Structure formats: structure tokens, C-alpha cells
Amino acid sequence: MDPYLEQLQHTIDTAISGLSDQQLSWHPAGKWCVAEVLEHLYWTYTGTIKGFERILASGESTARPRTWADRGRAFVVVGLGYFPSGRQAPAGARPKGLPREKVLAEIVPKILEMDQVIRQCEQKVGPGTRLDHPILGPLSLRQWRKFHLVHGRHHAKQIHRLRSEAAQS
């Protein structure tokens, strides 16, 4: 498994280990609960998988040309490893009410599935394959892997904070 995605798997697994029902559902007013954060991550992994499956089916990269703004945003997130807070998730990655049991059971295996489809693209289409991210623009295979690690760490911190706050409430 790719080292970035292996770290991501460990980060998420650690963050969700032993969560109680109260910790899964507790949230401050107007914010997501842990279950919703996990569902958001689940949708981002599912979306990435689908994007790379489309590339596999067509046999070619589908990314648009990168702009300077894309390069700047990707540099901050992927290059520096900084994920800014306060930005709304794209519509396709927002919680939709999936059963939490499904999300909990499938989120860590989804990371392995994502690793496998990215590897297939690397082999079939080539290491220069790019896929558009809705905010960061076209990302390379390596950038996608690191993006998910940076994004996952960002949300793992939220999960740990929510766990702690739920235990105190």
C-alpha cells in the first residue's frame, strides 16, 4: 500500500477506535457530529475511486489544464500539508444520512480500494495521470494520495476534539 494512504488508514482507524454512540452523534450547534465527518470522508474516498475508475475505463487522463490558482491551492494543501478550516465541503462530499454502521464498517477498507484503483491508473494510463479535484484543480496520482492524508488528518483532529467534548458533556 502507498505510504500516504497507509498513514491515512492508521490515522482514521485510530480516530474512530472505540467510539461510543454518544461520541458518534454529539456535536456543537451548527457543526457536524463524528458520524457526519466520517460520512464526509467516505464520500471523498468514493468520489476519488469513481473518478479514477472513469480514467481506467477511458484509458486516458481527463484533467483540464492547471491554472496558477490551482497550483497555489495545491501547493498550500499538498505541498505544505496545510488544510485551511472553515471552507464548506463540495456538495457531493457532504453528509447525506448514510447509516453510520455502513460508514464505520467501510471507511477504512475504502482507503485500500482507493489505493488499488490509483495503482491501476498508474499502471494502465501512466504515472503522469491527473484527475480534477473540485477545489484544488488537477492533481497527480501522488498529489491525490497526499491530499487524502492531509484532509484525513484535518478531520481526525476534529474527531478527537469532538470525542473529548462529547465525553465532557
C-alpha atoms as a PDB file:
ATOM      1  CA  MET A   1       0.000   0.000   0.000  1.00  0.00           C
ATOM      2  CA  ASP A   2       1.138   3.540  -0.712  1.00  0.00           C
ATOM      3  CA  PRO A   3       2.758   5.091   2.414  1.00  0.00           C
ATOM      4  CA  TYR A   4       0.473   8.171   2.376  1.00  0.00           C
ATOM      5  CA  LEU A   5      -2.656   6.036   2.221  1.00  0.00           C
ATOM      6  CA  GLU A   6      -1.274   3.607   4.789  1.00  0.00           C
ATOM      7  CA  GLN A   7      -0.767   6.558   7.159  1.00  0.00           C
ATOM      8  CA  LEU A   8      -4.291   7.720   6.351  1.00  0.00           C
ATOM      9  CA  GLN A   9      -5.723   4.298   7.170  1.00  0.00           C
ATOM     10  CA  HIS A  10      -3.910   4.296  10.512  1.00  0.00           C
ATOM     11  CA  THR A  11      -4.983   7.886  11.274  1.00  0.00           C
ATOM     12  CA  ILE A  12      -8.666   7.171  10.621  1.00  0.00           C
ATOM     13  CA  ASP A  13      -8.606   3.794  12.347  1.00  0.00           C
ATOM     14  CA  THR A  14      -7.061   5.383  15.451  1.00  0.00           C
ATOM     15  CA  ALA A  15      -9.538   8.277  15.422  1.00  0.00           C
ATOM     16  CA  ILE A  16     -12.608   6.015  15.298  1.00  0.00           C
ATOM     17  CA  SER A  17     -11.391   3.211  17.562  1.00  0.00           C
ATOM     18  CA  GLY A  18     -13.789   2.640  20.441  1.00  0.00           C
ATOM     19  CA  LEU A  19     -16.221   5.435  19.627  1.00  0.00           C
ATOM     20  CA  SER A  20     -19.425   5.288  21.650  1.00  0.00           C
ATOM     21  CA  ASP A  21     -22.862   6.060  20.188  1.00  0.00           C
ATOM     22  CA  GLN A  22     -22.857   9.302  22.187  1.00  0.00           C
ATOM     23  CA  GLN A  23     -19.478  10.315  20.742  1.00  0.00           C
ATOM     24  CA  LEU A  24     -20.631   9.474  17.217  1.00  0.00           C
ATOM     25  CA  SER A  25     -23.717  11.664  17.413  1.00  0.00           C
ATOM     26  CA  TRP A  26     -22.726  14.570  19.693  1.00  0.00           C
ATOM     27  CA  HIS A  27     -21.965  17.915  18.042  1.00  0.00           C
ATOM     28  CA  PRO A  28     -21.873  21.604  18.843  1.00  0.00           C
ATOM     29  CA  ALA A  29     -24.692  23.676  17.370  1.00  0.00           C
ATOM     30  CA  GLY A  30     -24.344  24.095  13.617  1.00  0.00           C
ATOM     31  CA  LYS A  31     -21.400  21.681  13.311  1.00  0.00           C
ATOM     32  CA  TRP A  32     -21.098  18.091  12.114  1.00  0.00           C
ATOM     33  CA  CYS A  33     -21.001  15.174  14.522  1.00  0.00           C
ATOM     34  CA  VAL A  34     -18.302  12.488  14.242  1.00  0.00           C
ATOM     35  CA  ALA A  35     -20.605  10.248  12.178  1.00  0.00           C
ATOM     36  CA  GLU A  36     -21.127  13.091   9.679  1.00  0.00           C
ATOM     37  CA  VAL A  37     -17.390  13.837   9.496  1.00  0.00           C
ATOM     38  CA  LEU A  38     -16.781  10.157   8.753  1.00  0.00           C
ATOM     39  CA  GLU A  39     -19.514  10.139   6.126  1.00  0.00           C
ATOM     40  CA  HIS A  40     -17.900  13.191   4.516  1.00  0.00           C
ATOM     41  CA  LEU A  41     -14.577  11.332   4.348  1.00  0.00           C
ATOM     42  CA  TYR A  42     -16.369   8.264   2.984  1.00  0.00           C
ATOM     43  CA  TRP A  43     -17.860  10.334   0.145  1.00  0.00           C
ATOM     44  CA  THR A  44     -14.471  11.859  -0.692  1.00  0.00           C
ATOM     45  CA  TYR A  45     -12.936   8.377  -0.976  1.00  0.00           C
ATOM     46  CA  THR A  46     -15.876   7.126  -3.026  1.00  0.00           C
ATOM     47  CA  GLY A  47     -15.657  10.166  -5.335  1.00  0.00           C
ATOM     48  CA  THR A  48     -11.939   9.669  -5.876  1.00  0.00           C
ATOM     49  CA  ILE A  49     -12.484   5.992  -6.652  1.00  0.00           C
ATOM     50  CA  LYS A  50     -15.189   6.818  -9.205  1.00  0.00           C
ATOM     51  CA  GLY A  51     -13.007   9.477 -10.836  1.00  0.00           C
ATOM     52  CA  PHE A  52     -10.114   7.085 -11.286  1.00  0.00           C
ATOM     53  CA  GLU A  53     -12.456   4.317 -12.472  1.00  0.00           C
ATOM     54  CA  ARG A  54     -13.611   6.693 -15.240  1.00  0.00           C
ATOM     55  CA  ILE A  55      -9.981   7.204 -16.224  1.00  0.00           C
ATOM     56  CA  LEU A  56      -9.425   3.444 -16.265  1.00  0.00           C
ATOM     57  CA  ALA A  57     -12.493   2.965 -18.465  1.00  0.00           C
ATOM     58  CA  SER A  58     -11.417   5.632 -20.959  1.00  0.00           C
ATOM     59  CA  GLY A  59      -7.723   4.803 -20.806  1.00  0.00           C
ATOM     60  CA  GLU A  60      -6.695   8.455 -20.571  1.00  0.00           C
ATOM     61  CA  SER A  61      -6.333  11.309 -18.133  1.00  0.00           C
ATOM     62  CA  THR A  62      -9.346  13.613 -18.136  1.00  0.00           C
ATOM     63  CA  ALA A  63      -7.923  16.595 -16.261  1.00  0.00           C
ATOM     64  CA  ARG A  64      -8.225  20.143 -17.525  1.00  0.00           C
ATOM     65  CA  PRO A  65      -5.098  22.311 -17.782  1.00  0.00           C
ATOM     66  CA  ARG A  66      -3.844  23.622 -14.419  1.00  0.00           C
ATOM     67  CA  THR A  67      -4.086  27.335 -13.680  1.00  0.00           C
ATOM     68  CA  TRP A  68      -1.795  29.352 -11.428  1.00  0.00           C
ATOM     69  CA  ALA A  69      -4.617  29.470  -8.862  1.00  0.00           C
ATOM     70  CA  ASP A  70      -4.833  25.644  -8.961  1.00  0.00           C
ATOM     71  CA  ARG A  71      -1.084  25.413  -8.446  1.00  0.00           C
ATOM     72  CA  GLY A  72      -1.247  27.800  -5.494  1.00  0.00           C
ATOM     73  CA  ARG A  73      -4.091  25.993  -3.748  1.00  0.00           C
ATOM     74  CA  ALA A  74      -2.486  22.592  -4.363  1.00  0.00           C
ATOM     75  CA  PHE A  75       0.845  23.884  -3.053  1.00  0.00           C
ATOM     76  CA  VAL A  76      -0.726  25.010   0.226  1.00  0.00           C
ATOM     77  CA  VAL A  77      -2.634  21.773   0.826  1.00  0.00           C
ATOM     78  CA  VAL A  78      -0.446  19.123  -0.786  1.00  0.00           C
ATOM     79  CA  GLY A  79       2.941  20.830  -0.755  1.00  0.00           C
ATOM     80  CA  LEU A  80       2.809  22.398   2.696  1.00  0.00           C
ATOM     81  CA  GLY A  81       0.374  19.896   4.219  1.00  0.00           C
ATOM     82  CA  TYR A  82      -1.890  22.687   5.488  1.00  0.00           C
ATOM     83  CA  PHE A  83      -5.632  22.213   5.252  1.00  0.00           C
ATOM     84  CA  PRO A  84      -7.476  25.507   5.826  1.00  0.00           C
ATOM     85  CA  SER A  85     -10.523  25.273   8.057  1.00  0.00           C
ATOM     86  CA  GLY A  86     -13.865  26.937   7.559  1.00  0.00           C
ATOM     87  CA  ARG A  87     -14.391  26.033   3.912  1.00  0.00           C
ATOM     88  CA  GLN A  88     -17.632  24.277   3.009  1.00  0.00           C
ATOM     89  CA  ALA A  89     -17.308  20.810   1.545  1.00  0.00           C
ATOM     90  CA  PRO A  90     -18.352  20.374  -2.100  1.00  0.00           C
ATOM     91  CA  ALA A  91     -21.980  19.221  -2.397  1.00  0.00           C
ATOM     92  CA  GLY A  92     -21.021  15.687  -3.423  1.00  0.00           C
ATOM     93  CA  ALA A  93     -18.935  15.237  -0.272  1.00  0.00           C
ATOM     94  CA  ARG A  94     -21.486  16.468   2.285  1.00  0.00           C
ATOM     95  CA  PRO A  95     -23.206  14.004   4.621  1.00  0.00           C
ATOM     96  CA  LYS A  96     -26.434  12.599   3.172  1.00  0.00           C
ATOM     97  CA  GLY A  97     -27.556  10.374   6.036  1.00  0.00           C
ATOM     98  CA  LEU A  98     -25.831   7.070   5.284  1.00  0.00           C
ATOM     99  CA  PRO A  99     -26.277   4.587   8.126  1.00  0.00           C
ATOM    100  CA  ARG A 100     -23.360   5.064  10.498  1.00  0.00           C
ATOM    101  CA  GLU A 101     -22.812   1.296  10.708  1.00  0.00           C
ATOM    102  CA  LYS A 102     -22.138   1.223   6.957  1.00  0.00           C
ATOM    103  CA  VAL A 103     -19.730   4.156   7.146  1.00  0.00           C
ATOM    104  CA  LEU A 104     -17.876   2.718  10.158  1.00  0.00           C
ATOM    105  CA  ALA A 105     -17.572  -0.700   8.522  1.00  0.00           C
ATOM    106  CA  GLU A 106     -16.490   0.568   5.094  1.00  0.00           C
ATOM    107  CA  ILE A 107     -14.420   3.717   5.628  1.00  0.00           C
ATOM    108  CA  VAL A 108     -11.042   2.058   6.297  1.00  0.00           C
ATOM    109  CA  PRO A 109     -11.488  -0.557   3.508  1.00  0.00           C
ATOM    110  CA  LYS A 110     -12.419   2.309   1.114  1.00  0.00           C
ATOM    111  CA  ILE A 111      -8.888   3.653   1.574  1.00  0.00           C
ATOM    112  CA  LEU A 112      -7.463   0.318   0.394  1.00  0.00           C
ATOM    113  CA  GLU A 113      -9.876   0.339  -2.554  1.00  0.00           C
ATOM    114  CA  MET A 114      -8.758   3.866  -3.411  1.00  0.00           C
ATOM    115  CA  ASP A 115      -5.112   2.774  -3.272  1.00  0.00           C
ATOM    116  CA  GLN A 116      -5.824  -0.103  -5.638  1.00  0.00           C
ATOM    117  CA  VAL A 117      -7.616   1.991  -8.263  1.00  0.00           C
ATOM    118  CA  ILE A 118      -4.904   4.667  -8.187  1.00  0.00           C
ATOM    119  CA  ARG A 119      -2.261   1.948  -8.682  1.00  0.00           C
ATOM    120  CA  GLN A 120      -4.246   0.546 -11.617  1.00  0.00           C
ATOM    121  CA  CYS A 121      -4.324   4.009 -13.219  1.00  0.00           C
ATOM    122  CA  GLU A 122      -0.614   4.370 -12.676  1.00  0.00           C
ATOM    123  CA  GLN A 123      -0.003   1.075 -14.471  1.00  0.00           C
ATOM    124  CA  LYS A 124      -2.564   1.429 -17.262  1.00  0.00           C
ATOM    125  CA  VAL A 125      -2.542   5.154 -18.053  1.00  0.00           C
ATOM    126  CA  GLY A 126       0.833   6.148 -16.590  1.00  0.00           C
ATOM    127  CA  PRO A 127       2.374   7.989 -13.656  1.00  0.00           C
ATOM    128  CA  GLY A 128       1.537  11.370 -15.217  1.00  0.00           C
ATOM    129  CA  THR A 129      -2.196  10.733 -14.902  1.00  0.00           C
ATOM    130  CA  ARG A 130      -4.152  13.655 -13.430  1.00  0.00           C
ATOM    131  CA  LEU A 131      -7.687  13.899 -12.092  1.00  0.00           C
ATOM    132  CA  ASP A 132      -9.537  17.133 -11.312  1.00  0.00           C
ATOM    133  CA  HIS A 133     -10.224  17.996  -7.684  1.00  0.00           C
ATOM    134  CA  PRO A 134     -13.272  20.277  -7.288  1.00  0.00           C
ATOM    135  CA  ILE A 135     -11.295  22.942  -5.398  1.00  0.00           C
ATOM    136  CA  LEU A 136      -7.591  22.267  -5.971  1.00  0.00           C
ATOM    137  CA  GLY A 137      -7.838  21.574  -9.695  1.00  0.00           C
ATOM    138  CA  PRO A 138      -5.929  18.798 -11.485  1.00  0.00           C
ATOM    139  CA  LEU A 139      -3.862  16.641  -9.130  1.00  0.00           C
ATOM    140  CA  SER A 140      -1.337  13.942  -9.967  1.00  0.00           C
ATOM    141  CA  LEU A 141      -1.593  10.462  -8.504  1.00  0.00           C
ATOM    142  CA  ARG A 142       0.939  11.312  -5.798  1.00  0.00           C
ATOM    143  CA  GLN A 143      -0.866  14.559  -5.020  1.00  0.00           C
ATOM    144  CA  TRP A 144      -4.192  12.735  -4.646  1.00  0.00           C
ATOM    145  CA  ARG A 145      -2.629  10.340  -2.161  1.00  0.00           C
ATOM    146  CA  LYS A 146      -1.108  13.146  -0.122  1.00  0.00           C
ATOM    147  CA  PHE A 147      -4.278  15.252  -0.355  1.00  0.00           C
ATOM    148  CA  HIS A 148      -6.273  12.463   1.263  1.00  0.00           C
ATOM    149  CA  LEU A 149      -3.699  12.139   4.050  1.00  0.00           C
ATOM    150  CA  VAL A 150      -3.702  15.896   4.759  1.00  0.00           C
ATOM    151  CA  HIS A 151      -7.514  16.020   4.554  1.00  0.00           C
ATOM    152  CA  GLY A 152      -7.869  12.926   6.749  1.00  0.00           C
ATOM    153  CA  ARG A 153      -5.523  14.343   9.401  1.00  0.00           C
ATOM    154  CA  HIS A 154      -7.509  17.580   9.404  1.00  0.00           C
ATOM    155  CA  HIS A 155     -10.726  15.697  10.114  1.00  0.00           C
ATOM    156  CA  ALA A 156      -9.075  13.248  12.548  1.00  0.00           C
ATOM    157  CA  LYS A 157      -8.205  16.267  14.709  1.00  0.00           C
ATOM    158  CA  GLN A 158     -11.877  17.285  14.593  1.00  0.00           C
ATOM    159  CA  ILE A 159     -12.925  13.755  15.534  1.00  0.00           C
ATOM    160  CA  HIS A 160     -10.557  13.667  18.521  1.00  0.00           C
ATOM    161  CA  ARG A 161     -11.821  17.085  19.657  1.00  0.00           C
ATOM    162  CA  LEU A 162     -15.477  16.012  19.268  1.00  0.00           C
ATOM    163  CA  ARG A 163     -14.787  12.760  21.169  1.00  0.00           C
ATOM    164  CA  SER A 164     -13.333  14.735  24.043  1.00  0.00           C
ATOM    165  CA  GLU A 165     -16.130  17.323  24.076  1.00  0.00           C
ATOM    166  CA  ALA A 166     -18.801  14.602  23.927  1.00  0.00           C
ATOM    167  CA  ALA A 167     -17.227  12.814  26.903  1.00  0.00           C
ATOM    168  CA  GLN A 168     -17.380  16.063  28.913  1.00  0.00           C
ATOM    169  CA  SER A 169     -20.985  16.871  28.061  1.00  0.00           C
END
